Amino acid sequence: MIAWDLQTMRMLGHRPSKKPGSNACLAVTALEGRTTILSASRKGKLRRWETNLTAHAAPIAAHNGPITAINTLDIDGRPTAVTVGADGLTGSWTCTLACAADQSCAILPWSTRY
């Protein structure tokens, strides 16, 4: 994965894959004003990334098999990702940040609805 600033055309981050072709699809959303990249894998895992691709939350097993589509939207004021998997399931995933006074943030665990 490579993240680019489209205004300056500068690379923001680069994350070489240990297993080429492992990411099936990507989506971008804002979490409390911070841009977040979501990657969905062919092994059914969903992962959140910082825009520089150096920090990420632990992946969750979202589907039993490849995730075939992912999109983001706002539901009741909460950023939400919707996934579709080859297992025939559709998942709805919400996530939030916990920010400290020093502006450091941690991504809290996913919550899910089917």
Protein backbone atom coordinates (compact mmCIF):
# COMPACT_ATOMS: atom_id res chain seq x y z
CA MET A 1 0.00 0.00 0.00
CA ILE A 2 1.13 3.54 -0.75
CA ALA A 3 -0.66 6.66 0.51
CA TRP A 4 -0.32 9.90 -1.50
CA ASP A 5 -1.13 13.55 -0.83
CA LEU A 6 -3.03 14.37 -4.03
CA GLN A 7 -2.43 18.13 -3.75
CA THR A 8 1.35 17.90 -3.51
CA MET A 9 1.73 14.44 -5.10
CA ARG A 10 4.04 13.48 -2.24
CA MET A 11 4.06 10.05 -0.75
CA LEU A 12 2.65 10.04 2.80
CA GLY A 13 3.50 6.46 3.58
CA HIS A 14 4.53 3.15 2.09
CA ARG A 15 3.77 -0.26 3.52
CA PRO A 16 5.25 -3.16 1.55
CA SER A 17 3.21 -6.32 1.84
CA LYS A 18 4.78 -9.54 2.99
CA LYS A 19 2.12 -11.29 0.92
CA PRO A 20 1.49 -9.46 -2.38
CA GLY A 21 -2.17 -9.37 -3.34
CA SER A 22 -3.35 -9.88 0.24
CA ASN A 23 -5.45 -6.68 0.32
CA ALA A 24 -8.72 -7.03 -1.55
CA CYS A 25 -10.03 -3.46 -1.20
CA LEU A 26 -9.56 -0.16 0.64
CA ALA A 27 -11.72 2.67 1.96
CA VAL A 28 -10.98 6.02 3.62
CA THR A 29 -12.95 7.73 6.39
CA ALA A 30 -12.51 10.38 9.08
CA LEU A 31 -12.38 9.39 12.73
CA GLU A 32 -12.88 12.42 14.93
CA GLY A 33 -11.18 14.66 12.37
CA ARG A 34 -8.32 12.25 11.61
CA THR A 35 -8.13 10.52 8.24
CA THR A 36 -8.12 6.75 8.58
CA ILE A 37 -7.52 4.11 5.91
CA LEU A 38 -9.36 0.79 6.13
CA SER A 39 -7.96 -2.26 4.37
CA ALA A 40 -9.88 -5.46 3.77
CA SER A 41 -7.98 -8.66 3.09
CA ARG A 42 -8.55 -11.76 1.05
CA LYS A 43 -8.38 -13.66 4.36
CA GLY A 44 -11.42 -11.79 5.71
CA LYS A 45 -9.58 -9.40 8.02
CA LEU A 46 -10.30 -5.69 8.45
CA ARG A 47 -7.55 -3.28 9.59
CA ARG A 48 -7.38 0.48 10.31
CA TRP A 49 -4.29 2.51 9.37
CA GLU A 50 -2.95 6.00 10.01
CA THR A 51 -2.40 7.92 6.74
CA ASN A 52 1.38 7.45 6.92
CA LEU A 53 0.78 3.66 7.03
CA THR A 54 3.17 3.21 9.96
CA ALA A 55 0.59 2.74 12.72
CA HIS A 56 -2.36 0.40 12.60
CA ALA A 57 -4.85 -1.23 14.89
CA ALA A 58 -4.90 -4.98 15.32
CA PRO A 59 -6.91 -6.63 12.55
CA ILE A 60 -10.26 -8.18 13.25
CA ALA A 61 -11.63 -11.31 11.63
CA ALA A 62 -14.57 -9.75 9.82
CA HIS A 63 -15.51 -12.58 7.43
CA ASN A 64 -14.81 -16.25 6.83
CA GLY A 65 -13.07 -15.78 3.50
CA PRO A 66 -12.26 -12.81 1.28
CA ILE A 67 -13.84 -9.42 1.84
CA THR A 68 -15.13 -8.46 -1.59
CA ALA A 69 -16.27 -4.87 -0.94
CA ILE A 70 -15.92 -2.14 1.68
CA ASN A 71 -17.43 1.34 1.93
CA THR A 72 -17.70 3.98 4.63
CA LEU A 73 -20.58 6.17 5.71
CA ASP A 74 -21.87 8.08 8.70
CA ILE A 75 -24.64 6.40 10.73
CA ASP A 76 -26.12 8.39 13.61
CA GLY A 77 -23.00 10.56 13.75
CA ARG A 78 -20.61 7.60 13.95
CA PRO A 79 -18.14 6.66 11.21
CA THR A 80 -19.12 3.21 9.98
CA ALA A 81 -17.61 0.74 7.54
CA VAL A 82 -19.82 -1.72 5.69
CA THR A 83 -18.22 -4.90 4.34
CA VAL A 84 -19.42 -7.68 2.08
CA GLY A 85 -17.67 -11.04 2.09
CA ALA A 86 -17.48 -14.07 -0.12
CA ASP A 87 -19.04 -15.88 2.86
CA GLY A 88 -22.36 -14.22 1.96
CA LEU A 89 -22.41 -11.93 5.02
CA THR A 90 -22.64 -8.16 5.23
CA GLY A 91 -20.98 -6.50 8.22
CA SER A 92 -21.39 -3.03 9.71
CA TRP A 93 -18.42 -1.85 11.80
CA THR A 94 -18.10 1.29 13.91
CA CYS A 95 -14.91 2.61 15.47
CA THR A 96 -13.81 5.55 17.61
CA LEU A 97 -10.64 7.15 18.92
CA ALA A 98 -9.64 7.70 22.51
CA CYS A 99 -7.53 10.87 22.68
CA ALA A 100 -5.44 11.98 25.65
CA ALA A 101 -4.69 15.56 26.70
CA ASP A 102 -1.32 15.34 24.89
CA GLN A 103 -3.22 14.76 21.61
CA SER A 104 -2.05 11.16 21.33
CA CYS A 105 -4.85 8.91 20.16
CA ALA A 106 -5.54 5.20 20.23
CA ILE A 107 -8.13 3.47 18.08
CA LEU A 108 -10.62 1.69 20.29
CA PRO A 109 -11.83 -1.84 19.53
CA TRP A 110 -14.37 -2.36 16.78
CA SER A 111 -18.00 -2.87 17.51
CA THR A 112 -20.08 -4.72 14.99
CA ARG A 113 -23.64 -5.17 13.81
CA TYR A 114 -24.91 -7.60 11.19
